[in-house]
């Protein structure tokens, strides 16, 4: 995990199809992301919309998309689509 649970406010929201497409794209682009998500997350439940946050990494302009629920914490597990390629708990 690259960050502790954050208290940041959401930046925006996205539809479930947009969230799923963003995660699928990131899985195709990053070979190590699939095994990491499989080990550290459980699947999302049925929601029409999901929050999106700005990445907290200095110099990264990416957005954080929900990839699932954290397996070992009560939090959303999010993935940055920007240059830092980080994962965080929200």
Protein backbone atom coordinates (compact mmCIF):
# COMPACT_ATOMS: atom_id res chain seq x y z
CA UNK A 1 0.00 0.00 0.00
CA UNK A 2 1.39 3.38 -0.91
CA UNK A 3 -0.79 5.48 1.41
CA UNK A 4 -2.82 5.40 4.58
CA UNK A 5 -6.55 5.95 4.54
CA UNK A 6 -7.06 9.56 3.53
CA UNK A 7 -9.58 12.15 4.63
CA UNK A 8 -9.65 13.98 1.27
CA UNK A 9 -12.93 15.06 -0.26
CA UNK A 10 -13.96 13.51 -3.58
CA UNK A 11 -13.14 15.47 -6.73
CA UNK A 12 -15.97 14.17 -8.91
CA UNK A 13 -17.91 11.01 -9.65
CA UNK A 14 -18.13 8.61 -12.57
CA UNK A 15 -20.65 6.05 -13.76
CA UNK A 16 -20.10 2.35 -13.16
CA UNK A 17 -19.32 1.72 -16.87
CA UNK A 18 -16.75 4.57 -16.86
CA UNK A 19 -15.15 3.23 -13.64
CA UNK A 20 -14.99 -0.31 -15.00
CA UNK A 21 -13.49 0.91 -18.29
CA UNK A 22 -10.82 2.93 -16.47
CA UNK A 23 -9.81 -0.07 -14.35
CA UNK A 24 -9.77 -2.40 -17.37
CA UNK A 25 -7.53 0.05 -19.24
CA UNK A 26 -5.15 0.29 -16.29
CA UNK A 27 -5.03 -3.52 -16.00
CA UNK A 28 -4.06 -3.76 -19.69
CA UNK A 29 -1.38 -1.07 -19.32
CA UNK A 30 0.21 -2.27 -16.05
CA UNK A 31 1.27 -5.91 -15.84
CA UNK A 32 1.73 -5.92 -12.06
CA UNK A 33 -1.66 -4.36 -11.28
CA UNK A 34 -3.78 -7.49 -11.83
CA UNK A 35 -1.98 -9.66 -9.28
CA UNK A 36 -1.89 -6.76 -6.81
CA UNK A 37 -5.65 -6.18 -7.08
CA UNK A 38 -6.34 -9.91 -6.80
CA UNK A 39 -4.32 -10.10 -3.58
CA UNK A 40 -5.44 -6.86 -1.94
CA UNK A 41 -9.08 -6.28 -2.94
CA UNK A 42 -12.54 -7.78 -3.00
CA UNK A 43 -15.00 -6.92 -5.81
CA UNK A 44 -17.15 -3.81 -5.77
CA UNK A 45 -20.87 -4.07 -5.21
CA UNK A 46 -23.62 -2.77 -7.46
CA UNK A 47 -23.53 1.03 -7.57
CA UNK A 48 -24.55 3.40 -10.36
CA UNK A 49 -21.85 5.97 -9.55
CA UNK A 50 -18.48 5.97 -7.81
CA UNK A 51 -16.39 8.79 -6.35
CA UNK A 52 -13.20 9.92 -8.07
CA UNK A 53 -10.37 11.73 -6.24
CA UNK A 54 -7.36 13.73 -7.40
CA UNK A 55 -4.11 11.90 -6.79
CA UNK A 56 -2.31 13.10 -3.62
CA UNK A 57 1.18 12.38 -5.03
CA UNK A 58 3.18 15.55 -5.56
CA UNK A 59 3.48 16.32 -9.27
CA UNK A 60 0.95 13.69 -10.38
CA UNK A 61 -2.12 15.01 -12.19
CA UNK A 62 -3.91 11.64 -12.18
CA UNK A 63 -7.30 10.67 -10.86
CA UNK A 64 -8.04 7.84 -8.43
CA UNK A 65 -10.60 5.26 -9.61
CA UNK A 66 -12.24 2.66 -7.35
CA UNK A 67 -10.84 -0.81 -8.07
CA UNK A 68 -12.58 -2.66 -5.24
CA UNK A 69 -12.79 -2.87 -1.48
CA UNK A 70 -9.62 -3.28 0.54
CA UNK A 71 -9.33 -6.89 1.70
CA UNK A 72 -7.80 -6.07 5.10
CA UNK A 73 -9.30 -2.64 5.86
CA UNK A 74 -12.68 -0.93 5.83
CA UNK A 75 -11.93 1.27 2.81
CA UNK A 76 -12.21 1.66 -0.93
CA UNK A 77 -9.09 0.59 -2.82
CA UNK A 78 -8.30 3.10 -5.57
CA UNK A 79 -5.80 3.19 -8.42
CA UNK A 80 -4.20 6.31 -9.92
CA UNK A 81 -4.42 6.65 -13.69
CA UNK A 82 -1.55 9.16 -13.73
CA UNK A 83 2.22 9.00 -13.81
CA UNK A 84 2.68 7.82 -10.21
CA UNK A 85 0.60 4.63 -10.83
CA UNK A 86 -0.08 4.47 -7.09
CA UNK A 87 -2.72 2.61 -5.13
CA UNK A 88 -4.43 4.13 -2.12
CA UNK A 89 -7.16 3.52 0.44
CA UNK A 90 -10.07 5.94 0.65
